[in-house]
C-alpha cells in the first residue's frame, strides 16, 4: 500500500513544542497550502491541512519553523478518533510529518526568510558555467 503526502505551504502560527505524558516531543500545526487556481472572484484560495510531527522532527521544527515561513513537508496521512470531554466521538485526519525542508522565500508580510543552508563561496553544483559535468568515472554507480 502507498500512503505518501508531499505538501508545500506556510504554517498559520508559530509552532509550539509539547510533550506527551511519557515525555515524547510532539508538535501540531496547520499548513496553509495555496490552490493552483483562482475562484470566481479571482482570488487564490488555500487549504488548511492539519499536520503533526513527533520526536526530533518536532523539536527541530518548533525551534526553526515560524508562522508564514515556506516549508515543504513529506509524510503520510493518518486517521484517528477519540472521545472528547462531552463523550462525543471526534475523528481526526492529519499528515504525520516524517521529513521537512526550508524552502525560503518570503512570508506574507514581505519578510525574507532564508534557507537553512550554509552560505559558502564554494559551488557544490557538479556542473560548471559551461554546462559540463565535473564527475569522474569513479562517481558513477554503473
N, C-alpha and C. Protein backbone atom coordinates (compact mmCIF):
# COMPACT_ATOMS: atom_id res chain seq x y z
N UNK A 1 0.83 -1.18 0.00
CA UNK A 1 0.00 0.00 0.00
C UNK A 1 0.88 1.25 0.00
N UNK A 2 0.40 2.29 -0.63
CA UNK A 2 1.13 3.56 -0.67
C UNK A 2 0.34 4.60 0.10
N UNK A 3 1.00 5.28 1.01
CA UNK A 3 0.42 6.38 1.76
C UNK A 3 1.50 7.43 1.89
N UNK A 4 1.58 8.34 0.92
CA UNK A 4 2.63 9.33 0.86
C UNK A 4 2.03 10.69 0.55
N UNK A 5 2.42 11.71 1.30
CA UNK A 5 1.94 13.07 1.11
C UNK A 5 3.13 14.00 1.03
N UNK A 6 3.12 14.89 0.03
CA UNK A 6 4.13 15.93 -0.10
C UNK A 6 3.39 17.25 -0.25
N UNK A 7 3.68 18.19 0.64
CA UNK A 7 3.00 19.48 0.64
C UNK A 7 4.01 20.62 0.71
N UNK A 8 3.66 21.73 0.10
CA UNK A 8 4.41 22.97 0.23
C UNK A 8 3.45 24.02 0.72
N UNK A 9 3.79 24.67 1.81
CA UNK A 9 2.90 25.68 2.36
C UNK A 9 3.54 26.45 3.48
N UNK A 10 2.67 27.20 4.19
CA UNK A 10 3.14 28.07 5.27
C UNK A 10 2.34 27.78 6.54
N UNK A 11 3.03 27.58 7.67
CA UNK A 11 2.31 27.39 8.94
C UNK A 11 1.48 28.63 9.28
N UNK A 12 0.31 28.40 9.86
CA UNK A 12 -0.59 29.51 10.18
C UNK A 12 -0.23 30.20 11.49
N UNK A 13 0.65 29.59 12.30
CA UNK A 13 1.12 30.21 13.54
C UNK A 13 2.47 29.61 13.89
N UNK A 14 3.18 30.24 14.83
CA UNK A 14 4.45 29.68 15.29
C UNK A 14 4.19 28.31 15.90
N UNK A 15 5.10 27.40 15.65
CA UNK A 15 4.93 26.03 16.14
C UNK A 15 5.29 25.95 17.62
N UNK A 16 4.50 25.21 18.37
CA UNK A 16 4.71 25.07 19.81
C UNK A 16 5.00 23.62 20.14
N UNK A 17 6.12 23.41 20.80
CA UNK A 17 6.52 22.05 21.19
C UNK A 17 5.81 21.67 22.49
N UNK A 18 5.24 20.47 22.50
CA UNK A 18 4.63 19.92 23.71
C UNK A 18 5.23 18.54 23.94
N UNK A 19 4.92 17.99 25.08
CA UNK A 19 5.39 16.64 25.41
C UNK A 19 4.20 15.80 25.88
N UNK A 20 4.22 14.54 25.50
CA UNK A 20 3.20 13.61 25.97
C UNK A 20 3.50 13.27 27.43
N UNK A 21 2.60 12.54 28.07
CA UNK A 21 2.81 12.12 29.46
C UNK A 21 4.08 11.30 29.62
N UNK A 22 4.44 10.57 28.55
CA UNK A 22 5.66 9.74 28.61
C UNK A 22 6.91 10.52 28.22
N UNK A 23 6.75 11.82 27.85
CA UNK A 23 7.91 12.65 27.55
C UNK A 23 8.26 12.76 26.08
N UNK A 24 7.47 12.18 25.20
CA UNK A 24 7.74 12.24 23.76
C UNK A 24 7.39 13.62 23.23
N UNK A 25 8.29 14.22 22.45
CA UNK A 25 8.06 15.53 21.86
C UNK A 25 7.04 15.45 20.74
N UNK A 26 6.13 16.42 20.68
CA UNK A 26 5.11 16.47 19.63
C UNK A 26 4.82 17.92 19.29
N UNK A 27 4.51 18.15 18.03
CA UNK A 27 4.21 19.49 17.56
C UNK A 27 3.08 19.39 16.53
N UNK A 28 1.95 20.06 16.80
CA UNK A 28 0.82 20.06 15.88
C UNK A 28 0.68 21.45 15.28
N UNK A 29 0.34 21.51 13.99
CA UNK A 29 0.18 22.80 13.33
C UNK A 29 -0.68 22.64 12.09
N UNK A 30 -1.19 23.76 11.60
CA UNK A 30 -1.91 23.79 10.33
C UNK A 30 -1.02 24.39 9.27
N UNK A 31 -1.00 23.77 8.11
CA UNK A 31 -0.21 24.24 6.98
C UNK A 31 -1.15 24.80 5.92
N UNK A 32 -0.99 26.08 5.59
CA UNK A 32 -1.80 26.71 4.55
C UNK A 32 -1.16 26.41 3.20
N UNK A 33 -1.90 25.69 2.36
CA UNK A 33 -1.40 25.27 1.05
C UNK A 33 -2.27 25.93 -0.01
N UNK A 34 -1.67 26.81 -0.82
CA UNK A 34 -2.41 27.51 -1.88
C UNK A 34 -2.89 26.53 -2.94
N UNK A 35 -4.09 26.79 -3.43
CA UNK A 35 -4.60 26.01 -4.55
C UNK A 35 -4.00 26.55 -5.84
N UNK A 36 -3.98 25.74 -6.89
CA UNK A 36 -3.36 26.12 -8.16
C UNK A 36 -4.27 26.94 -9.05
N UNK A 37 -5.43 27.30 -8.58
CA UNK A 37 -6.37 28.05 -9.41
C UNK A 37 -7.04 29.14 -8.57
N UNK A 38 -7.68 30.06 -9.25
CA UNK A 38 -8.38 31.16 -8.57
C UNK A 38 -9.88 30.89 -8.60
N UNK A 39 -10.59 31.44 -7.60
CA UNK A 39 -12.04 31.26 -7.55
C UNK A 39 -12.72 32.25 -8.51
N UNK A 40 -14.04 32.28 -8.48
CA UNK A 40 -14.79 33.15 -9.39
C UNK A 40 -14.48 34.62 -9.18
N UNK A 41 -14.08 34.98 -7.99
CA UNK A 41 -13.74 36.37 -7.67
C UNK A 41 -12.30 36.72 -8.06
N UNK A 42 -11.58 35.76 -8.60
CA UNK A 42 -10.19 35.99 -9.00
C UNK A 42 -9.20 35.88 -7.86
N UNK A 43 -9.64 35.35 -6.73
CA UNK A 43 -8.77 35.19 -5.58
C UNK A 43 -8.28 33.75 -5.46
N UNK A 44 -7.06 33.62 -4.98
CA UNK A 44 -6.50 32.29 -4.76
C UNK A 44 -6.90 31.82 -3.37
N UNK A 45 -7.46 30.63 -3.29
CA UNK A 45 -7.86 30.06 -2.01
C UNK A 45 -6.77 29.12 -1.51
N UNK A 46 -6.89 28.76 -0.25
CA UNK A 46 -5.91 27.84 0.35
C UNK A 46 -6.65 26.76 1.12
N UNK A 47 -6.00 25.63 1.25
CA UNK A 47 -6.47 24.55 2.10
C UNK A 47 -5.61 24.58 3.36
N UNK A 48 -6.22 24.32 4.50
CA UNK A 48 -5.51 24.32 5.77
C UNK A 48 -5.43 22.88 6.24
N UNK A 49 -4.23 22.32 6.13
CA UNK A 49 -4.00 20.90 6.38
C UNK A 49 -3.43 20.71 7.79
N UNK A 50 -4.08 19.86 8.58
CA UNK A 50 -3.59 19.54 9.92
C UNK A 50 -2.37 18.64 9.80
N UNK A 51 -1.31 19.01 10.51
CA UNK A 51 -0.07 18.24 10.50
C UNK A 51 0.39 17.98 11.93
N UNK A 52 1.15 16.91 12.09
CA UNK A 52 1.72 16.57 13.39
C UNK A 52 3.12 16.01 13.17
N UNK A 53 4.05 16.44 14.01
CA UNK A 53 5.43 15.94 13.95
C UNK A 53 5.79 15.39 15.32
N UNK A 54 6.63 14.37 15.32
CA UNK A 54 7.00 13.69 16.56
C UNK A 54 8.50 13.71 16.77
N UNK A 55 8.91 13.56 17.99
CA UNK A 55 10.29 13.35 18.43
C UNK A 55 11.23 14.44 17.91
N UNK A 56 12.36 14.06 17.32
CA UNK A 56 13.38 15.04 16.89
C UNK A 56 12.83 15.98 15.81
N UNK A 57 12.00 15.46 14.93
CA UNK A 57 11.40 16.31 13.88
C UNK A 57 10.59 17.42 14.53
N UNK A 58 9.81 17.10 15.54
CA UNK A 58 9.00 18.10 16.26
C UNK A 58 9.90 19.12 16.94
N UNK A 59 10.99 18.67 17.55
CA UNK A 59 11.89 19.57 18.25
C UNK A 59 12.54 20.57 17.30
N UNK A 60 13.01 20.07 16.17
CA UNK A 60 13.68 20.95 15.21
C UNK A 60 12.67 21.91 14.57
N UNK A 61 11.51 21.39 14.20
CA UNK A 61 10.50 22.25 13.57
C UNK A 61 10.06 23.36 14.52
N UNK A 62 9.81 23.04 15.77
CA UNK A 62 9.33 24.05 16.71
C UNK A 62 10.39 25.12 16.97
N UNK A 63 11.64 24.75 16.83
CA UNK A 63 12.72 25.71 17.06
C UNK A 63 12.94 26.65 15.88
N UNK A 64 12.79 26.15 14.65
CA UNK A 64 13.19 26.93 13.48
C UNK A 64 12.05 27.37 12.57
N UNK A 65 10.94 26.65 12.56
CA UNK A 65 9.84 26.99 11.64
C UNK A 65 8.94 28.02 12.31
N UNK A 66 8.71 29.12 11.64
CA UNK A 66 7.89 30.20 12.18
C UNK A 66 6.66 30.41 11.31
N UNK A 67 5.69 31.10 11.86
CA UNK A 67 4.47 31.44 11.12
C UNK A 67 4.84 32.12 9.81
N UNK A 68 4.26 31.63 8.72
CA UNK A 68 4.47 32.24 7.41
C UNK A 68 5.69 31.77 6.66
N UNK A 69 6.57 31.00 7.30
CA UNK A 69 7.77 30.54 6.58
C UNK A 69 7.38 29.43 5.60
N UNK A 70 7.96 29.48 4.42
CA UNK A 70 7.65 28.50 3.38
C UNK A 70 8.43 27.21 3.65
N UNK A 71 7.69 26.11 3.81
CA UNK A 71 8.32 24.82 4.07
C UNK A 71 7.69 23.76 3.18
N UNK A 72 8.43 22.70 2.99
CA UNK A 72 7.92 21.50 2.34
C UNK A 72 7.87 20.40 3.37
N UNK A 73 6.79 19.64 3.38
CA UNK A 73 6.69 18.51 4.30
C UNK A 73 6.45 17.23 3.51
N UNK A 74 7.00 16.16 4.01
CA UNK A 74 6.85 14.84 3.42
C UNK A 74 6.39 13.92 4.54
N UNK A 75 5.32 13.19 4.31
CA UNK A 75 4.82 12.33 5.36
C UNK A 75 3.74 11.40 4.88
N UNK A 76 2.84 11.05 5.80
CA UNK A 76 1.76 10.12 5.48
C UNK A 76 0.47 10.62 6.13
N UNK A 77 -0.65 10.22 5.58
CA UNK A 77 -1.95 10.57 6.15
C UNK A 77 -2.28 9.55 7.24
N UNK A 78 -2.79 10.06 8.33
CA UNK A 78 -3.19 9.21 9.45
C UNK A 78 -4.58 9.64 9.90
N UNK A 79 -5.41 8.68 10.21
CA UNK A 79 -6.72 8.97 10.80
C UNK A 79 -6.76 8.35 12.18
N UNK A 80 -7.45 9.04 13.08
CA UNK A 80 -7.60 8.54 14.44
C UNK A 80 -8.90 9.10 15.01
N UNK A 81 -9.31 8.57 16.13
CA UNK A 81 -10.52 9.06 16.79
C UNK A 81 -10.35 8.98 18.29
N UNK A 82 -11.11 9.81 18.99
CA UNK A 82 -11.09 9.80 20.45
C UNK A 82 -12.42 10.36 20.95
N UNK A 83 -12.71 10.15 22.22
CA UNK A 83 -13.89 10.71 22.86
C UNK A 83 -13.51 12.00 23.57
N UNK A 84 -14.22 13.10 23.27
CA UNK A 84 -13.93 14.37 23.93
C UNK A 84 -14.54 14.41 25.32
N UNK A 85 -14.43 15.55 26.00
CA UNK A 85 -14.92 15.64 27.39
C UNK A 85 -16.43 15.55 27.50
N UNK A 86 -17.14 15.69 26.38
CA UNK A 86 -18.60 15.52 26.36
C UNK A 86 -18.99 14.11 25.91
N UNK A 87 -18.00 13.21 25.89
CA UNK A 87 -18.16 11.83 25.48
C UNK A 87 -18.69 11.69 24.04
N UNK A 88 -18.29 12.64 23.19
CA UNK A 88 -18.63 12.57 21.76
C UNK A 88 -17.41 12.06 21.01
N UNK A 89 -17.66 11.24 20.01
CA UNK A 89 -16.58 10.68 19.20
C UNK A 89 -16.08 11.76 18.23
N UNK A 90 -14.77 12.02 18.24
CA UNK A 90 -14.15 13.01 17.36
C UNK A 90 -13.20 12.27 16.43
N UNK A 91 -13.33 12.53 15.12
CA UNK A 91 -12.47 11.91 14.12
C UNK A 91 -11.49 12.95 13.59
N UNK A 92 -10.23 12.54 13.46
CA UNK A 92 -9.18 13.45 13.04
C UNK A 92 -8.43 12.82 11.86
N UNK A 93 -8.19 13.62 10.84
CA UNK A 93 -7.31 13.23 9.73
C UNK A 93 -6.18 14.24 9.69
N UNK A 94 -4.95 13.75 9.67
CA UNK A 94 -3.80 14.65 9.71
C UNK A 94 -2.63 14.04 8.94
N UNK A 95 -1.67 14.89 8.62
CA UNK A 95 -0.44 14.45 7.97
C UNK A 95 0.62 14.28 9.05
N UNK A 96 1.17 13.09 9.15
CA UNK A 96 2.28 12.83 10.06
C UNK A 96 3.56 13.19 9.31
N UNK A 97 4.22 14.24 9.76
CA UNK A 97 5.42 14.75 9.08
C UNK A 97 6.60 13.85 9.41
N UNK A 98 7.20 13.30 8.37
CA UNK A 98 8.38 12.46 8.55
C UNK A 98 9.66 13.21 8.20
N UNK A 99 9.57 14.11 7.21
CA UNK A 99 10.69 14.96 6.79
C UNK A 99 10.14 16.32 6.43
N UNK A 100 10.98 17.34 6.52
CA UNK A 100 10.58 18.66 6.09
C UNK A 100 11.79 19.41 5.56
N UNK A 101 11.53 20.45 4.78
CA UNK A 101 12.60 21.26 4.21
C UNK A 101 12.23 22.73 4.32
N UNK A 102 13.22 23.57 4.54
CA UNK A 102 13.03 25.00 4.48
C UNK A 102 13.13 25.41 3.01
N UNK A 103 12.15 26.11 2.52
CA UNK A 103 12.14 26.47 1.11
C UNK A 103 12.44 27.94 0.88
N UNK A 104 12.58 28.72 1.93
CA UNK A 104 12.93 30.12 1.79
C UNK A 104 11.80 30.95 1.24
N UNK A 105 12.14 32.02 0.56
CA UNK A 105 11.12 32.92 0.04
C UNK A 105 10.81 33.98 1.06
N UNK A 106 9.57 34.47 1.04
CA UNK A 106 9.18 35.50 2.00
C UNK A 106 7.82 35.15 2.57
N UNK A 107 7.58 35.64 3.78
CA UNK A 107 6.28 35.40 4.39
C UNK A 107 5.28 36.41 3.86
N UNK A 108 4.04 36.34 4.35
CA UNK A 108 3.01 37.21 3.79
C UNK A 108 3.21 38.67 4.16
N UNK A 109 4.13 38.98 5.09
CA UNK A 109 4.44 40.35 5.45
C UNK A 109 5.62 40.89 4.64
N UNK A 110 6.14 40.07 3.73
CA UNK A 110 7.25 40.50 2.89
C UNK A 110 8.61 40.31 3.51
N UNK A 111 8.69 39.72 4.70
CA UNK A 111 9.97 39.47 5.35
C UNK A 111 10.67 38.33 4.63
N UNK A 112 11.92 38.53 4.28
CA UNK A 112 12.67 37.49 3.59
C UNK A 112 13.06 36.42 4.60
N UNK A 113 12.80 35.18 4.24
CA UNK A 113 13.14 34.04 5.08
C UNK A 113 14.23 33.27 4.37
N UNK A 114 15.36 33.11 5.04
CA UNK A 114 16.50 32.45 4.42
C UNK A 114 16.42 30.96 4.61
N UNK A 115 16.93 30.23 3.62
CA UNK A 115 17.01 28.78 3.73
C UNK A 115 17.99 28.41 4.82
N UNK A 116 17.84 27.26 5.40
CA UNK A 116 18.75 26.76 6.42
C UNK A 116 19.92 26.04 5.75
N UNK A 117 20.62 26.77 4.92
CA UNK A 117 21.77 26.20 4.24
C UNK A 117 22.97 27.08 4.53
N UNK A 118 24.15 26.47 4.64
CA UNK A 118 25.34 27.26 4.92
C UNK A 118 25.66 28.13 3.72
N UNK A 119 26.07 29.36 4.01
CA UNK A 119 26.41 30.28 2.92
C UNK A 119 27.91 30.22 2.71
N UNK A 120 28.30 29.40 1.81
CA UNK A 120 29.71 29.20 1.50
C UNK A 120 29.97 29.70 0.09
N UNK A 121 31.18 30.09 -0.16
CA UNK A 121 31.53 30.57 -1.50
C UNK A 121 31.79 29.42 -2.45
N UNK A 122 31.83 28.21 -1.92
CA UNK A 122 32.06 27.06 -2.79
C UNK A 122 30.82 26.76 -3.58
N UNK A 123 31.01 26.39 -4.82
CA UNK A 123 29.90 25.99 -5.67
C UNK A 123 29.84 24.47 -5.63
N UNK A 124 28.81 23.93 -4.99
CA UNK A 124 28.69 22.47 -4.88
C UNK A 124 28.00 21.86 -6.08
N UNK A 125 27.61 22.66 -7.03
CA UNK A 125 26.96 22.17 -8.23
C UNK A 125 27.99 21.45 -9.09
N UNK A 126 27.76 20.20 -9.46
CA UNK A 126 28.76 19.49 -10.26
C UNK A 126 28.86 20.01 -11.69
N UNK A 127 27.97 20.90 -12.09
CA UNK A 127 28.02 21.47 -13.42
C UNK A 127 28.62 22.86 -13.37
N UNK A 128 29.62 23.11 -14.19
CA UNK A 128 30.20 24.45 -14.20
C UNK A 128 29.38 25.36 -15.11
N UNK A 129 29.83 26.58 -15.32
CA UNK A 129 29.07 27.56 -16.10
C UNK A 129 28.91 27.15 -17.56
N UNK A 130 29.72 26.23 -18.05
CA UNK A 130 29.60 25.79 -19.44
C UNK A 130 28.66 24.62 -19.60
N UNK A 131 28.05 24.18 -18.51
CA UNK A 131 27.13 23.05 -18.58
C UNK A 131 27.83 21.71 -18.64
N UNK A 132 29.12 21.68 -18.34
CA UNK A 132 29.88 20.44 -18.36
C UNK A 132 29.94 19.87 -16.95
N UNK A 133 29.73 18.59 -16.82
CA UNK A 133 29.76 17.94 -15.51
C UNK A 133 31.19 17.67 -15.08
N UNK A 134 31.47 17.93 -13.81
CA UNK A 134 32.77 17.63 -13.23
C UNK A 134 32.62 16.36 -12.38
N UNK A 135 32.39 15.23 -13.09
CA UNK A 135 32.16 13.96 -12.41
C UNK A 135 33.12 12.93 -13.00
N UNK A 136 33.83 12.24 -12.12
CA UNK A 136 34.76 11.22 -12.62
C UNK A 136 34.02 9.90 -12.80
N UNK A 137 34.63 8.99 -13.54
CA UNK A 137 34.03 7.67 -13.75
C UNK A 137 33.83 6.92 -12.44
N UNK A 138 34.67 7.21 -11.43
CA UNK A 138 34.55 6.53 -10.13
C UNK A 138 33.29 6.94 -9.38
N UNK A 139 32.69 8.11 -9.74
CA UNK A 139 31.49 8.58 -9.07
C UNK A 139 30.22 7.94 -9.62
N UNK A 140 30.32 7.29 -10.77
CA UNK A 140 29.15 6.71 -11.41
C UNK A 140 28.81 5.35 -10.80
N UNK A 141 27.53 5.09 -10.59
CA UNK A 141 27.14 3.84 -9.92
C UNK A 141 27.11 2.63 -10.84
N UNK A 142 27.51 2.74 -12.08
CA UNK A 142 27.46 1.61 -13.01
C UNK A 142 28.74 1.49 -13.79
